Amino acid sequence: MSRYGNAKIVNNDSNFYSSLVESRDLKSIKQMQTILIKNPEIFERINLKTDTHIWKYGDRFYNLANQYYNDPKLWWIIAWYNGYPTEANVKIGDTLDIPLNLEQIVRVLGV
């Protein structure tokens, strides 16, 4: 379950890339469209079953995803749910909520 599973492929016609297109003799640049993930409302969070994890030295999102979901590629769910864009933003002793039901969390995210 990739967060880009339903992403559309689009032509990027931004002027920002015009020199790249020209230097590589391309007609266009195709990219995956950005996926918009919504933040769940409080009533949606209340209905989600979670486990608590206290961040310790050496923890990694992908290891937690492997432990809880048997898939390290789902690390982004834990990071997103807790509002941490990267592991560098998490401090030792921070408490993370790990959503347990993947079907529910994907529905809440709108992915």
N, C-alpha and C. Protein backbone atom coordinates (compact mmCIF):
# COMPACT_ATOMS: atom_id res chain seq x y z
N MET A 1 0.85 -1.17 0.00
CA MET A 1 0.00 0.00 0.00
C MET A 1 0.90 1.24 0.00
N SER A 2 1.14 1.75 -1.16
CA SER A 2 1.95 2.95 -1.29
C SER A 2 1.05 4.17 -1.19
N ARG A 3 1.58 5.24 -0.64
CA ARG A 3 0.78 6.46 -0.59
C ARG A 3 0.60 7.05 -1.98
N TYR A 4 1.35 6.54 -2.97
CA TYR A 4 1.23 7.01 -4.34
C TYR A 4 0.47 6.02 -5.22
N GLY A 5 -0.17 5.03 -4.63
CA GLY A 5 -0.86 4.00 -5.39
C GLY A 5 -1.90 4.52 -6.34
N ASN A 6 -2.59 5.58 -5.97
CA ASN A 6 -3.65 6.13 -6.81
C ASN A 6 -3.24 7.44 -7.48
N ALA A 7 -1.95 7.76 -7.44
CA ALA A 7 -1.48 9.03 -8.00
C ALA A 7 -1.55 9.01 -9.52
N LYS A 8 -1.94 10.14 -10.08
CA LYS A 8 -1.98 10.29 -11.54
C LYS A 8 -0.60 10.75 -12.02
N ILE A 9 -0.26 10.35 -13.22
CA ILE A 9 0.95 10.83 -13.87
C ILE A 9 0.57 12.08 -14.65
N VAL A 10 1.27 13.18 -14.41
CA VAL A 10 0.95 14.45 -15.05
C VAL A 10 2.19 15.04 -15.72
N ASN A 11 1.96 15.88 -16.71
CA ASN A 11 3.05 16.62 -17.34
C ASN A 11 3.32 17.87 -16.51
N ASN A 12 4.58 18.06 -16.13
CA ASN A 12 4.95 19.24 -15.37
C ASN A 12 5.42 20.30 -16.36
N ASP A 13 4.62 21.36 -16.51
CA ASP A 13 4.95 22.41 -17.46
C ASP A 13 5.43 23.68 -16.76
N SER A 14 5.91 23.52 -15.54
CA SER A 14 6.40 24.66 -14.78
C SER A 14 7.64 25.26 -15.45
N ASN A 15 7.70 26.58 -15.46
CA ASN A 15 8.87 27.27 -16.01
C ASN A 15 10.13 26.95 -15.23
N PHE A 16 9.98 26.52 -14.00
CA PHE A 16 11.12 26.16 -13.17
C PHE A 16 11.99 25.10 -13.83
N TYR A 17 11.35 24.19 -14.57
CA TYR A 17 12.06 23.08 -15.20
C TYR A 17 12.42 23.34 -16.67
N SER A 18 12.15 24.53 -17.18
CA SER A 18 12.37 24.79 -18.60
C SER A 18 13.82 24.57 -19.03
N SER A 19 14.78 24.97 -18.20
CA SER A 19 16.19 24.76 -18.58
C SER A 19 16.54 23.28 -18.59
N LEU A 20 15.97 22.50 -17.69
CA LEU A 20 16.20 21.06 -17.66
C LEU A 20 15.61 20.40 -18.90
N VAL A 21 14.40 20.78 -19.25
CA VAL A 21 13.74 20.23 -20.44
C VAL A 21 14.58 20.54 -21.67
N GLU A 22 15.03 21.78 -21.75
CA GLU A 22 15.83 22.19 -22.91
C GLU A 22 17.18 21.49 -22.96
N SER A 23 17.88 21.42 -21.83
CA SER A 23 19.23 20.83 -21.83
C SER A 23 19.21 19.33 -22.10
N ARG A 24 18.12 18.68 -21.78
CA ARG A 24 18.02 17.23 -22.00
C ARG A 24 17.23 16.89 -23.26
N ASP A 25 16.84 17.90 -23.99
CA ASP A 25 16.09 17.73 -25.22
C ASP A 25 14.82 16.90 -25.00
N LEU A 26 14.09 17.29 -23.96
CA LEU A 26 12.83 16.62 -23.62
C LEU A 26 11.65 17.42 -24.14
N LYS A 27 10.54 16.73 -24.33
CA LYS A 27 9.32 17.42 -24.71
C LYS A 27 8.57 17.88 -23.46
N SER A 28 8.66 17.07 -22.41
CA SER A 28 8.00 17.42 -21.14
C SER A 28 8.59 16.55 -20.03
N ILE A 29 8.23 16.90 -18.82
CA ILE A 29 8.62 16.10 -17.66
C ILE A 29 7.36 15.50 -17.06
N LYS A 30 7.34 14.20 -16.95
CA LYS A 30 6.19 13.52 -16.35
C LYS A 30 6.51 13.21 -14.90
N GLN A 31 5.55 13.51 -14.03
CA GLN A 31 5.72 13.27 -12.60
C GLN A 31 4.41 12.77 -12.01
N MET A 32 4.53 12.15 -10.84
CA MET A 32 3.32 11.75 -10.11
C MET A 32 2.72 12.99 -9.47
N GLN A 33 1.43 13.11 -9.59
CA GLN A 33 0.73 14.23 -8.99
C GLN A 33 0.81 14.12 -7.47
N THR A 34 0.97 15.24 -6.81
CA THR A 34 1.07 15.26 -5.35
C THR A 34 -0.23 14.76 -4.74
N ILE A 35 -0.09 13.83 -3.81
CA ILE A 35 -1.24 13.30 -3.10
C ILE A 35 -1.56 14.20 -1.92
N LEU A 36 -2.80 14.58 -1.78
CA LEU A 36 -3.22 15.38 -0.64
C LEU A 36 -3.77 14.46 0.44
N ILE A 37 -3.10 14.46 1.57
CA ILE A 37 -3.54 13.64 2.70
C ILE A 37 -4.13 14.58 3.73
N LYS A 38 -5.35 14.30 4.12
CA LYS A 38 -6.00 15.19 5.08
C LYS A 38 -5.67 14.77 6.51
N ASN A 39 -5.72 15.73 7.39
CA ASN A 39 -5.54 15.42 8.80
C ASN A 39 -6.90 15.03 9.37
N PRO A 40 -6.93 13.95 10.13
CA PRO A 40 -8.22 13.50 10.65
C PRO A 40 -8.78 14.45 11.70
N GLU A 41 -10.08 14.53 11.71
CA GLU A 41 -10.77 15.31 12.74
C GLU A 41 -10.65 14.57 14.07
N ILE A 42 -10.91 15.27 15.14
CA ILE A 42 -10.79 14.66 16.47
C ILE A 42 -11.72 13.46 16.63
N PHE A 43 -12.93 13.55 16.07
CA PHE A 43 -13.86 12.43 16.19
C PHE A 43 -13.37 11.20 15.41
N GLU A 44 -12.59 11.43 14.34
CA GLU A 44 -12.03 10.31 13.59
C GLU A 44 -10.88 9.67 14.37
N ARG A 45 -10.08 10.49 15.03
CA ARG A 45 -8.97 9.96 15.84
C ARG A 45 -9.48 9.16 17.03
N ILE A 46 -10.56 9.61 17.62
CA ILE A 46 -11.12 8.92 18.79
C ILE A 46 -11.52 7.49 18.43
N ASN A 47 -12.01 7.29 17.21
CA ASN A 47 -12.47 5.98 16.79
C ASN A 47 -11.36 5.05 16.31
N LEU A 48 -10.12 5.56 16.22
CA LEU A 48 -9.01 4.73 15.77
C LEU A 48 -8.32 4.08 16.96
N LYS A 49 -8.13 2.78 16.87
CA LYS A 49 -7.40 2.07 17.91
C LYS A 49 -5.91 2.29 17.67
N THR A 50 -5.20 2.70 18.72
CA THR A 50 -3.77 2.97 18.60
C THR A 50 -3.00 2.28 19.71
N ASP A 51 -1.73 2.13 19.48
CA ASP A 51 -0.80 1.66 20.50
C ASP A 51 0.16 2.81 20.77
N THR A 52 0.71 2.86 21.96
CA THR A 52 1.63 3.92 22.32
C THR A 52 3.06 3.40 22.27
N HIS A 53 3.93 4.22 21.70
CA HIS A 53 5.35 3.87 21.63
C HIS A 53 6.16 5.08 22.11
N ILE A 54 7.08 4.85 23.02
CA ILE A 54 7.96 5.92 23.48
C ILE A 54 9.25 5.82 22.68
N TRP A 55 9.58 6.90 21.97
CA TRP A 55 10.73 6.94 21.08
C TRP A 55 12.01 6.81 21.89
N LYS A 56 12.87 5.90 21.45
CA LYS A 56 14.15 5.69 22.13
C LYS A 56 15.28 5.75 21.12
N TYR A 57 16.49 5.82 21.63
CA TYR A 57 17.67 5.89 20.79
C TYR A 57 17.69 4.70 19.83
N GLY A 58 17.89 4.97 18.55
CA GLY A 58 17.96 3.92 17.54
C GLY A 58 16.65 3.60 16.87
N ASP A 59 15.53 4.15 17.35
CA ASP A 59 14.23 3.89 16.71
C ASP A 59 14.20 4.48 15.31
N ARG A 60 13.46 3.81 14.43
CA ARG A 60 13.25 4.27 13.06
C ARG A 60 11.80 4.01 12.69
N PHE A 61 11.22 4.93 11.91
CA PHE A 61 9.84 4.76 11.48
C PHE A 61 9.65 3.45 10.73
N TYR A 62 10.60 3.13 9.85
CA TYR A 62 10.43 1.92 9.04
C TYR A 62 10.48 0.67 9.90
N ASN A 63 11.25 0.67 10.99
CA ASN A 63 11.26 -0.48 11.89
C ASN A 63 9.93 -0.61 12.64
N LEU A 64 9.38 0.52 13.05
CA LEU A 64 8.06 0.47 13.71
C LEU A 64 6.99 -0.01 12.75
N ALA A 65 7.04 0.46 11.50
CA ALA A 65 6.07 0.02 10.50
C ALA A 65 6.20 -1.48 10.25
N ASN A 66 7.41 -1.97 10.22
CA ASN A 66 7.62 -3.41 10.04
C ASN A 66 7.07 -4.18 11.24
N GLN A 67 7.29 -3.66 12.42
CA GLN A 67 6.81 -4.31 13.65
C GLN A 67 5.29 -4.33 13.72
N TYR A 68 4.65 -3.22 13.42
CA TYR A 68 3.20 -3.11 13.58
C TYR A 68 2.41 -3.55 12.34
N TYR A 69 2.98 -3.33 11.14
CA TYR A 69 2.24 -3.60 9.91
C TYR A 69 2.87 -4.68 9.05
N ASN A 70 4.00 -5.20 9.46
CA ASN A 70 4.75 -6.18 8.66
C ASN A 70 5.13 -5.63 7.29
N ASP A 71 5.31 -4.32 7.21
CA ASP A 71 5.70 -3.68 5.95
C ASP A 71 6.42 -2.37 6.25
N PRO A 72 7.75 -2.35 6.11
CA PRO A 72 8.50 -1.13 6.41
C PRO A 72 8.15 0.04 5.51
N LYS A 73 7.56 -0.22 4.34
CA LYS A 73 7.20 0.86 3.42
C LYS A 73 6.07 1.74 3.97
N LEU A 74 5.39 1.27 5.00
CA LEU A 74 4.27 2.03 5.57
C LEU A 74 4.73 2.96 6.70
N TRP A 75 6.02 3.25 6.76
CA TRP A 75 6.57 4.14 7.77
C TRP A 75 5.88 5.50 7.77
N TRP A 76 5.47 5.95 6.59
CA TRP A 76 4.89 7.27 6.44
C TRP A 76 3.58 7.43 7.21
N ILE A 77 2.86 6.32 7.44
CA ILE A 77 1.61 6.40 8.21
C ILE A 77 1.90 6.83 9.64
N ILE A 78 2.90 6.22 10.24
CA ILE A 78 3.27 6.56 11.62
C ILE A 78 3.80 7.99 11.68
N ALA A 79 4.64 8.36 10.73
CA ALA A 79 5.20 9.72 10.71
C ALA A 79 4.09 10.75 10.53
N TRP A 80 3.21 10.53 9.56
CA TRP A 80 2.12 11.47 9.30
C TRP A 80 1.19 11.58 10.50
N TYR A 81 0.79 10.44 11.05
CA TYR A 81 -0.19 10.44 12.13
C TYR A 81 0.30 11.23 13.33
N ASN A 82 1.60 11.21 13.55
CA ASN A 82 2.17 11.89 14.70
C ASN A 82 2.72 13.28 14.37
N GLY A 83 2.63 13.68 13.10
CA GLY A 83 3.03 15.03 12.72
C GLY A 83 4.53 15.24 12.63
N TYR A 84 5.27 14.16 12.38
CA TYR A 84 6.72 14.27 12.24
C TYR A 84 7.10 14.02 10.78
N PRO A 85 7.64 15.03 10.10
CA PRO A 85 8.02 14.82 8.70
C PRO A 85 9.20 13.88 8.54
N THR A 86 10.11 13.86 9.51
CA THR A 86 11.26 12.95 9.47
C THR A 86 11.58 12.47 10.88
N GLU A 87 12.40 11.45 10.95
CA GLU A 87 12.84 10.93 12.25
C GLU A 87 13.67 11.95 13.00
N ALA A 88 14.31 12.86 12.28
CA ALA A 88 15.14 13.88 12.93
C ALA A 88 14.30 14.82 13.79
N ASN A 89 12.99 14.87 13.54
CA ASN A 89 12.11 15.73 14.30
C ASN A 89 11.63 15.09 15.60
N VAL A 90 11.85 13.80 15.76
CA VAL A 90 11.39 13.08 16.95
C VAL A 90 12.53 13.09 17.97
N LYS A 91 12.19 13.39 19.21
CA LYS A 91 13.19 13.42 20.27
C LYS A 91 13.02 12.21 21.19
N ILE A 92 14.11 11.75 21.73
CA ILE A 92 14.06 10.61 22.67
C ILE A 92 13.10 10.97 23.80
N GLY A 93 12.19 10.05 24.07
CA GLY A 93 11.17 10.26 25.10
C GLY A 93 9.84 10.73 24.56
N ASP A 94 9.78 11.16 23.28
CA ASP A 94 8.50 11.56 22.68
C ASP A 94 7.58 10.35 22.60
N THR A 95 6.31 10.59 22.81
CA THR A 95 5.31 9.52 22.72
C THR A 95 4.66 9.55 21.35
N LEU A 96 4.67 8.39 20.69
CA LEU A 96 4.02 8.25 19.39
C LEU A 96 2.78 7.39 19.53
N ASP A 97 1.75 7.75 18.80
CA ASP A 97 0.56 6.91 18.69
C ASP A 97 0.66 6.15 17.38
N ILE A 98 0.56 4.84 17.46
CA ILE A 98 0.64 4.00 16.27
C ILE A 98 -0.77 3.52 15.94
N PRO A 99 -1.37 4.02 14.84
CA PRO A 99 -2.69 3.51 14.46
C PRO A 99 -2.58 2.05 14.06
N LEU A 100 -3.48 1.22 14.55
CA LEU A 100 -3.35 -0.23 14.37
C LEU A 100 -4.15 -0.78 13.19
N ASN A 101 -5.30 -0.23 12.93
CA ASN A 101 -6.15 -0.76 11.86
C ASN A 101 -5.86 -0.03 10.55
N LEU A 102 -5.13 -0.70 9.66
CA LEU A 102 -4.73 -0.05 8.40
C LEU A 102 -5.91 0.36 7.54
N GLU A 103 -6.94 -0.45 7.49
CA GLU A 103 -8.10 -0.10 6.68
C GLU A 103 -8.73 1.19 7.16
N GLN A 104 -8.85 1.34 8.48
CA GLN A 104 -9.43 2.56 9.04
C GLN A 104 -8.55 3.77 8.77
N ILE A 105 -7.26 3.64 8.98
CA ILE A 105 -6.39 4.79 8.82
C ILE A 105 -6.33 5.24 7.36
N VAL A 106 -6.34 4.30 6.44
CA VAL A 106 -6.32 4.66 5.01
C VAL A 106 -7.62 5.37 4.65
N ARG A 107 -8.72 4.92 5.19
CA ARG A 107 -10.01 5.57 4.93
C ARG A 107 -10.02 7.00 5.50
N VAL A 108 -9.49 7.16 6.71
CA VAL A 108 -9.44 8.47 7.35
C VAL A 108 -8.52 9.41 6.56
N LEU A 109 -7.41 8.88 6.06
CA LEU A 109 -6.47 9.70 5.29
C LEU A 109 -7.03 10.11 3.94
N GLY A 110 -7.92 9.32 3.41
CA GLY A 110 -8.45 9.60 2.09
C GLY A 110 -7.55 9.10 0.98
N VAL A 111 -6.68 8.16 1.30
CA VAL A 111 -5.75 7.62 0.30
C VAL A 111 -6.41 6.51 -0.47
